[in-house]
């Protein structure tokens, strides 16, 4: 590796990294804990054919940090953690692989809760849950809350309405043009919500047939994955993998706002300022895409899950964004920095609060 594991952990203050290996079932996984000030680590499990172990580790570290910020911003009592499985989800999955993962996760004794992410589905974790009870977002028939991409899409929708209100003085998206990059689990649901608003849609996906099919369904236009970045639109919505906002892509954007579900959209923190300097309003990803996390966290609520509570918290994403937009404008800083300030303040307050030790019954 170009940097040692501890150097990589020190870069953003990670607490712990665990490597999980069971070769007879093909399991190679990394679990990263960023910050558990707010509570146990909560974050999905991603499965990808990573190019190297270092790439997988960096992804786990980056994603777990995002979960810390996402949980804190949504005022959830959970910290940031993430699991990545090294493997091709189209070829390397098996019930035994996920059962092995279930045993490793169970070994943390409640320090880590996980569920679906890119490359994994609720049914995968029905197998993992046979080995331990620390899995969320399971299918309803297995006692879970179901598809977490539904509230994620609704949260992004709320974020777009908040951006519209800030830019154009009203939350309506009717007649606006939205370019959606990636129409998988979340992007497709988001496109359908926007179509119902009367929004003009431009859609792209690496699986071009999927974009064409959804465009036919919603009355949108399908373009290639290469073209979507340069489409003239009101809102660009990255709903695929992270790092899409970088030195090469930001100058090519022809939009007024970026509001999408992908994690870690900024390749580097400095790209938030680059967007601001171009006059593009950025809705920080970990604020906008928190709907799924809100749903699975609610499964673990001390008084039991409550769908109405999930709806209320997801709707509040728009209110949180409005506060971030106003703070950024008042201080003349990028919206990404304004969001980070709010999160840092919340973590500090919680850290001070937890100096008071609870009794054994707490």
Protein backbone atom coordinates (compact mmCIF):
# COMPACT_ATOMS: atom_id res chain seq x y z
CA UNK A 1 0.00 0.00 0.00
CA UNK A 2 1.16 3.54 -0.72
CA UNK A 3 0.17 4.45 2.88
CA UNK A 4 0.06 2.22 5.94
CA UNK A 5 -3.28 1.23 7.47
CA UNK A 6 -2.72 3.36 10.56
CA UNK A 7 -1.72 6.37 8.44
CA UNK A 8 -4.94 6.00 6.45
CA UNK A 9 -6.95 5.74 9.67
CA UNK A 10 -5.26 8.79 11.14
CA UNK A 11 -6.11 10.89 8.09
CA UNK A 12 -9.75 11.33 9.19
CA UNK A 13 -9.64 10.04 12.78
CA UNK A 14 -10.93 6.49 12.33
CA UNK A 15 -11.28 4.32 15.42
CA UNK A 16 -10.97 0.75 14.17
CA UNK A 17 -10.59 -1.42 11.09
CA UNK A 18 -11.36 -5.14 11.03
CA UNK A 19 -10.39 -7.56 8.24
CA UNK A 20 -12.68 -10.58 7.85
CA UNK A 21 -11.49 -13.61 5.87
CA UNK A 22 -13.08 -17.02 5.38
CA UNK A 23 -11.53 -18.47 2.23
CA UNK A 24 -13.69 -21.62 1.97
CA UNK A 25 -16.75 -19.43 1.21
CA UNK A 26 -14.83 -16.66 -0.59
CA UNK A 27 -15.38 -13.97 2.05
CA UNK A 28 -12.91 -11.09 2.05
CA UNK A 29 -14.42 -8.12 3.89
CA UNK A 30 -13.31 -4.96 5.64
CA UNK A 31 -15.31 -3.28 8.41
CA UNK A 32 -14.30 0.30 9.25
CA UNK A 33 -15.42 2.29 12.28
CA UNK A 34 -15.00 6.04 11.95
CA UNK A 35 -16.59 7.59 15.06
CA UNK A 36 -18.94 6.04 17.62
CA UNK A 37 -19.51 9.15 19.74
CA UNK A 38 -23.22 9.17 18.89
CA UNK A 39 -23.68 5.41 19.40
CA UNK A 40 -22.99 2.02 17.78
CA UNK A 41 -21.71 2.06 14.22
CA UNK A 42 -24.45 1.87 11.59
CA UNK A 43 -23.77 1.59 7.87
CA UNK A 44 -24.45 -0.62 4.88
CA UNK A 45 -22.39 -3.41 3.35
CA UNK A 46 -21.15 -2.79 -0.18
CA UNK A 47 -19.94 -5.54 -2.53
CA UNK A 48 -17.67 -4.66 -5.45
CA UNK A 49 -14.96 -6.19 -7.56
CA UNK A 50 -12.35 -3.77 -6.23
CA UNK A 51 -9.14 -3.39 -8.20
CA UNK A 52 -7.00 -3.85 -5.08
CA UNK A 53 -7.23 -4.35 -1.34
CA UNK A 54 -6.07 -0.76 -0.85
CA UNK A 55 -8.92 0.52 -3.00
CA UNK A 56 -11.38 -1.49 -0.88
CA UNK A 57 -9.89 -0.19 2.35
CA UNK A 58 -9.99 3.42 1.19
CA UNK A 59 -13.62 2.97 0.17
CA UNK A 60 -14.53 1.52 3.57
CA UNK A 61 -12.79 4.39 5.35
CA UNK A 62 -14.37 7.06 3.18
CA UNK A 63 -17.84 5.55 3.42
CA UNK A 64 -17.68 5.05 7.19
CA UNK A 65 -16.72 8.68 7.67
CA UNK A 66 -19.74 9.66 5.59
CA UNK A 67 -21.97 7.56 7.86
CA UNK A 68 -20.75 9.46 10.93
CA UNK A 69 -21.77 12.73 9.32
CA UNK A 70 -25.03 11.33 7.98
CA UNK A 71 -26.13 9.98 11.36
CA UNK A 72 -25.14 13.13 13.23
CA UNK A 73 -26.83 15.43 10.71
CA UNK A 74 -30.05 13.39 10.97
CA UNK A 75 -29.76 13.47 14.80
CA UNK A 76 -29.65 9.67 15.07
CA UNK A 77 -28.08 7.91 18.03
CA UNK A 78 -25.61 5.98 15.90
CA UNK A 79 -22.02 6.38 14.81
CA UNK A 80 -20.33 5.85 11.48
CA UNK A 81 -19.21 2.44 10.24
CA UNK A 82 -19.21 0.57 6.94
CA UNK A 83 -18.45 -2.87 5.54
CA UNK A 84 -17.14 -3.66 2.07
CA UNK A 85 -16.93 -7.14 0.56
CA UNK A 86 -14.30 -7.71 -2.11
CA UNK A 87 -15.99 -9.66 -4.89
CA UNK A 88 -18.16 -9.47 -7.96
CA UNK A 89 -21.79 -9.39 -6.77
CA UNK A 90 -22.91 -10.97 -10.05
CA UNK A 91 -20.66 -14.03 -9.61
CA UNK A 92 -19.30 -14.36 -6.09
CA UNK A 93 -22.39 -14.26 -3.85
CA UNK A 94 -23.58 -17.30 -1.94
CA UNK A 95 -25.73 -17.92 1.14
CA UNK A 96 -22.65 -19.27 2.90
CA UNK A 97 -20.68 -16.08 2.23
CA UNK A 98 -23.34 -13.95 3.90
CA UNK A 99 -23.76 -16.38 6.78
CA UNK A 100 -20.00 -16.10 7.38
CA UNK A 101 -20.33 -12.32 7.34
CA UNK A 102 -23.16 -12.68 9.87
CA UNK A 103 -20.84 -14.41 12.29
CA UNK A 104 -18.14 -11.78 11.94
CA UNK A 105 -20.65 -8.96 12.50
CA UNK A 106 -22.08 -10.86 15.47
CA UNK A 107 -18.61 -10.92 17.00
CA UNK A 108 -18.83 -7.17 17.59
CA UNK A 109 -21.71 -7.76 20.01
CA UNK A 110 -23.81 -4.79 18.90
CA UNK A 111 -21.00 -2.36 18.09
CA UNK A 112 -21.93 -2.59 14.39
CA UNK A 113 -25.30 -2.82 12.60
CA UNK A 114 -25.45 -3.20 8.84
CA UNK A 115 -27.69 -3.77 5.83
CA UNK A 116 -27.79 -3.18 2.08
CA UNK A 117 -25.63 -0.93 -0.06
CA UNK A 118 -24.36 -1.04 -3.65
CA UNK A 119 -24.16 -4.64 -4.84
CA UNK A 120 -26.17 -6.14 -1.96
CA UNK A 121 -29.88 -6.69 -1.37
CA UNK A 122 -32.16 -7.33 1.62
CA UNK A 123 -32.39 -11.03 0.73
CA UNK A 124 -28.61 -11.35 1.16
CA UNK A 125 -28.89 -10.27 4.77
CA UNK A 126 -31.74 -12.65 5.48
CA UNK A 127 -28.94 -15.25 5.25
CA UNK A 128 -26.56 -13.21 7.44
CA UNK A 129 -29.31 -12.74 10.05
CA UNK A 130 -29.40 -16.52 10.56
CA UNK A 131 -26.07 -16.13 12.36
CA UNK A 132 -26.54 -12.93 14.40
CA UNK A 133 -29.12 -10.26 15.09
CA UNK A 134 -27.30 -7.12 13.97
CA UNK A 135 -28.83 -6.65 10.52
CA UNK A 136 -31.33 -4.00 9.44
CA UNK A 137 -33.36 -3.35 6.31
CA UNK A 138 -34.34 -7.01 5.98
CA UNK A 139 -37.32 -7.96 3.83
CA UNK A 140 -40.65 -7.41 5.57
CA UNK A 141 -41.31 -11.16 5.63
CA UNK A 142 -38.12 -11.54 7.71
CA UNK A 143 -39.16 -8.89 10.23
CA UNK A 144 -37.40 -5.91 8.62
CA UNK A 145 -38.71 -2.59 7.37
CA UNK A 146 -38.25 -3.44 3.72
CA UNK A 147 -36.64 -1.54 0.87
CA UNK A 148 -34.62 1.39 2.29
CA UNK A 149 -34.16 2.88 -1.18
CA UNK A 150 -37.77 4.14 -0.97
CA UNK A 151 -37.15 6.70 1.82
CA UNK A 152 -33.75 7.50 0.29
CA UNK A 153 -35.46 8.57 -2.93
CA UNK A 154 -38.05 10.57 -0.99
CA UNK A 155 -35.26 12.34 0.92
CA UNK A 156 -33.52 13.35 -2.30
CA UNK A 157 -36.87 14.58 -3.60
CA UNK A 158 -37.27 16.74 -0.49
CA UNK A 159 -33.74 18.04 -1.02
CA UNK A 160 -34.53 19.07 -4.57
CA UNK A 161 -37.59 20.98 -3.42
CA UNK A 162 -35.47 22.80 -0.80
CA UNK A 163 -32.92 23.70 -3.49
CA UNK A 164 -35.70 24.94 -5.77
CA UNK A 165 -37.09 27.09 -2.97
CA UNK A 166 -33.65 28.59 -2.34
CA UNK A 167 -32.85 29.26 -5.99
CA UNK A 168 -36.21 30.14 -7.50
CA UNK A 169 -38.40 31.12 -4.55
CA UNK A 170 -40.77 28.15 -4.73
CA UNK A 171 -40.39 24.41 -4.11
CA UNK A 172 -42.17 23.28 -7.27
CA UNK A 173 -40.17 21.15 -9.71
CA UNK A 174 -42.81 21.29 -12.44
CA UNK A 175 -41.22 22.28 -15.74
CA UNK A 176 -37.69 22.07 -14.33
CA UNK A 177 -35.13 19.81 -16.00
CA UNK A 178 -33.37 17.24 -13.84
CA UNK A 179 -30.52 15.06 -15.14
CA UNK A 180 -30.29 11.79 -13.18
CA UNK A 181 -26.99 9.91 -13.35
CA UNK A 182 -27.64 6.29 -12.41
CA UNK A 183 -31.15 4.81 -12.40
CA UNK A 184 -30.66 1.84 -10.12
CA UNK A 185 -32.34 1.21 -6.77
CA UNK A 186 -32.68 4.90 -5.80
CA UNK A 187 -32.35 6.75 -9.11
CA UNK A 188 -35.29 4.95 -10.73
CA UNK A 189 -37.60 5.65 -7.79
CA UNK A 190 -36.49 9.29 -7.75
CA UNK A 191 -37.18 9.61 -11.49
CA UNK A 192 -40.73 8.34 -10.99
CA UNK A 193 -41.33 10.86 -8.20
CA UNK A 194 -40.05 13.67 -10.42
CA UNK A 195 -42.14 12.53 -13.38
CA UNK A 196 -45.22 12.80 -11.16
CA UNK A 197 -44.18 16.42 -10.42
CA UNK A 198 -44.14 17.26 -14.13
CA UNK A 199 -40.35 17.47 -14.22
CA UNK A 200 -38.45 17.08 -17.50
CA UNK A 201 -36.10 14.13 -17.10
CA UNK A 202 -32.77 13.28 -18.70
CA UNK A 203 -31.55 9.84 -17.63
CA UNK A 204 -28.29 7.92 -17.94
CA UNK A 205 -26.93 4.65 -16.63
CA UNK A 206 -23.94 2.44 -17.37
CA UNK A 207 -26.58 -0.14 -18.33
CA UNK A 208 -27.97 1.95 -21.17
CA UNK A 209 -31.00 -0.28 -21.70
CA UNK A 210 -32.17 0.44 -18.15
CA UNK A 211 -32.07 4.18 -18.81
CA UNK A 212 -33.94 3.81 -22.11
CA UNK A 213 -36.64 1.69 -20.51
CA UNK A 214 -37.18 4.16 -17.65
CA UNK A 215 -37.18 7.10 -20.07
CA UNK A 216 -39.97 5.43 -22.05
CA UNK A 217 -41.92 4.88 -18.82
CA UNK A 218 -41.52 8.43 -17.48
CA UNK A 219 -41.56 10.43 -20.71
CA UNK A 220 -37.90 11.37 -20.23
CA UNK A 221 -34.87 11.31 -22.50
CA UNK A 222 -32.06 8.78 -22.25
CA UNK A 223 -28.46 9.82 -22.95
CA UNK A 224 -25.14 8.06 -22.58
CA UNK A 225 -23.22 7.94 -19.32
CA UNK A 226 -20.61 10.22 -20.88
CA UNK A 227 -23.17 12.83 -21.99
CA UNK A 228 -25.09 13.22 -18.73
CA UNK A 229 -22.46 15.47 -17.13
CA UNK A 230 -22.83 18.13 -19.83
CA UNK A 231 -26.63 18.14 -20.15
CA UNK A 232 -28.14 21.61 -19.72
CA UNK A 233 -30.43 21.26 -16.73
CA UNK A 234 -31.67 22.93 -13.58
CA UNK A 235 -30.54 20.13 -11.25
CA UNK A 236 -27.89 17.46 -11.77
CA UNK A 237 -28.59 14.39 -9.63
CA UNK A 238 -25.71 11.92 -9.14
CA UNK A 239 -27.26 8.62 -8.01
CA UNK A 240 -24.45 6.19 -8.83
CA UNK A 241 -21.01 5.84 -7.23
CA UNK A 242 -19.00 8.57 -5.48
CA UNK A 243 -16.23 10.90 -6.58
CA UNK A 244 -18.26 12.25 -9.50
CA UNK A 245 -17.57 15.90 -8.60
CA UNK A 246 -13.91 16.50 -9.32
CA UNK A 247 -11.43 18.68 -11.21
CA UNK A 248 -12.39 17.15 -14.55
CA UNK A 249 -16.17 17.04 -14.20
CA UNK A 250 -17.11 20.25 -12.35
CA UNK A 251 -16.10 22.55 -15.25
CA UNK A 252 -18.35 20.49 -17.56
CA UNK A 253 -21.53 20.85 -15.49
CA UNK A 254 -24.36 22.96 -16.94
CA UNK A 255 -26.71 23.07 -13.95
CA UNK A 256 -27.78 25.42 -11.16
CA UNK A 257 -27.74 22.79 -8.40
CA UNK A 258 -26.42 19.33 -7.55
CA UNK A 259 -28.77 17.16 -5.49
CA UNK A 260 -28.31 13.40 -5.58
CA UNK A 261 -28.22 10.16 -3.61
CA UNK A 262 -24.66 8.98 -4.29
CA UNK A 263 -22.31 8.84 -1.31
CA UNK A 264 -19.09 10.88 -1.27
CA UNK A 265 -19.90 12.90 -4.38
CA UNK A 266 -17.02 15.33 -3.78
CA UNK A 267 -13.77 13.66 -4.80
CA UNK A 268 -12.03 15.95 -2.30
CA UNK A 269 -13.35 18.44 0.26
CA UNK A 270 -12.01 21.36 -1.81
CA UNK A 271 -14.45 20.55 -4.61
CA UNK A 272 -17.26 22.01 -2.53
CA UNK A 273 -15.62 25.41 -2.90
CA UNK A 274 -15.06 24.80 -6.59
CA UNK A 275 -18.81 24.30 -7.05
CA UNK A 276 -19.54 27.47 -5.07
CA UNK A 277 -17.15 29.47 -7.25
CA UNK A 278 -19.01 28.23 -10.33
CA UNK A 279 -22.30 29.39 -8.82
CA UNK A 280 -23.65 25.85 -8.44
CA UNK A 281 -25.67 25.14 -5.29
CA UNK A 282 -24.52 21.87 -3.74
CA UNK A 283 -26.81 19.87 -1.45
CA UNK A 284 -24.35 17.87 0.70
CA UNK A 285 -24.85 14.20 -0.09
CA UNK A 286 -24.91 12.90 3.47
CA UNK A 287 -27.78 15.26 4.26
CA UNK A 288 -29.81 14.47 1.15
CA UNK A 289 -29.44 10.68 1.08
CA UNK A 290 -30.19 10.01 4.76
CA UNK A 291 -33.71 8.63 4.21
CA UNK A 292 -32.62 5.00 4.04
CA UNK A 293 -30.49 5.37 7.15
CA UNK A 294 -33.41 7.00 8.97
CA UNK A 295 -35.60 3.99 8.13
CA UNK A 296 -33.16 1.29 9.24
CA UNK A 297 -32.16 3.23 12.37
CA UNK A 298 -35.83 3.41 13.28
CA UNK A 299 -35.95 -0.40 13.37
CA UNK A 300 -33.61 -0.17 16.39
CA UNK A 301 -35.58 2.52 18.27
CA UNK A 302 -35.98 1.64 21.98
CA UNK A 303 -39.78 1.88 21.67
CA UNK A 304 -39.93 -0.06 18.41
CA UNK A 305 -40.21 1.10 14.79
CA UNK A 306 -42.72 3.75 13.75
CA UNK A 307 -43.34 4.46 10.02
CA UNK A 308 -44.77 7.91 10.78
CA UNK A 309 -41.57 8.86 12.58
CA UNK A 310 -39.57 7.81 9.50
CA UNK A 311 -41.75 9.99 7.26
CA UNK A 312 -41.40 13.02 9.55
CA UNK A 313 -37.62 12.70 9.80
CA UNK A 314 -37.26 12.21 6.06
CA UNK A 315 -39.34 15.31 5.35
CA UNK A 316 -37.08 17.23 7.73
CA UNK A 317 -34.18 16.74 5.28
CA UNK A 318 -35.47 19.75 3.34
CA UNK A 319 -35.54 21.88 6.50
CA UNK A 320 -31.98 20.86 7.38
CA UNK A 321 -30.80 21.78 3.89
CA UNK A 322 -32.49 25.18 4.09
CA UNK A 323 -30.59 25.90 7.32
CA UNK A 324 -27.32 24.83 5.66
CA UNK A 325 -27.94 27.02 2.61
CA UNK A 326 -28.61 30.02 4.84
CA UNK A 327 -25.54 29.43 7.02
CA UNK A 328 -23.30 29.03 3.97
CA UNK A 329 -24.67 32.24 2.47
CA UNK A 330 -24.28 34.18 5.72
CA UNK A 331 -20.65 33.08 6.22
CA UNK A 332 -19.65 33.05 2.55
CA UNK A 333 -18.54 29.43 2.72
CA UNK A 334 -19.38 26.33 0.63
CA UNK A 335 -22.49 24.44 1.65
CA UNK A 336 -20.33 21.38 2.26
CA UNK A 337 -18.34 23.29 4.90
CA UNK A 338 -21.52 24.65 6.48
CA UNK A 339 -22.90 21.12 6.82
CA UNK A 340 -19.62 19.86 8.31
CA UNK A 341 -19.70 22.67 10.89
CA UNK A 342 -23.19 21.71 12.02
CA UNK A 343 -22.16 18.06 12.34
CA UNK A 344 -18.93 18.86 14.22
CA UNK A 345 -20.86 20.98 16.69
CA UNK A 346 -23.40 18.19 17.27
CA UNK A 347 -20.65 15.61 17.82
CA UNK A 348 -18.88 17.89 20.30
CA UNK A 349 -22.08 18.48 22.27
CA UNK A 350 -22.79 14.75 22.40
CA UNK A 351 -19.21 14.00 23.47
CA UNK A 352 -19.53 16.47 26.35
CA UNK A 353 -22.93 15.04 27.32
CA UNK A 354 -21.52 11.51 27.51
CA UNK A 355 -18.95 12.56 30.09
CA UNK A 356 -21.71 11.90 32.61
CA UNK A 357 -21.57 8.18 33.30
CA UNK A 358 -24.84 6.25 33.44
CA UNK A 359 -25.60 3.74 36.15
CA UNK A 360 -25.78 0.04 35.35
CA UNK A 361 -29.46 0.26 34.46
CA UNK A 362 -28.89 3.08 31.91
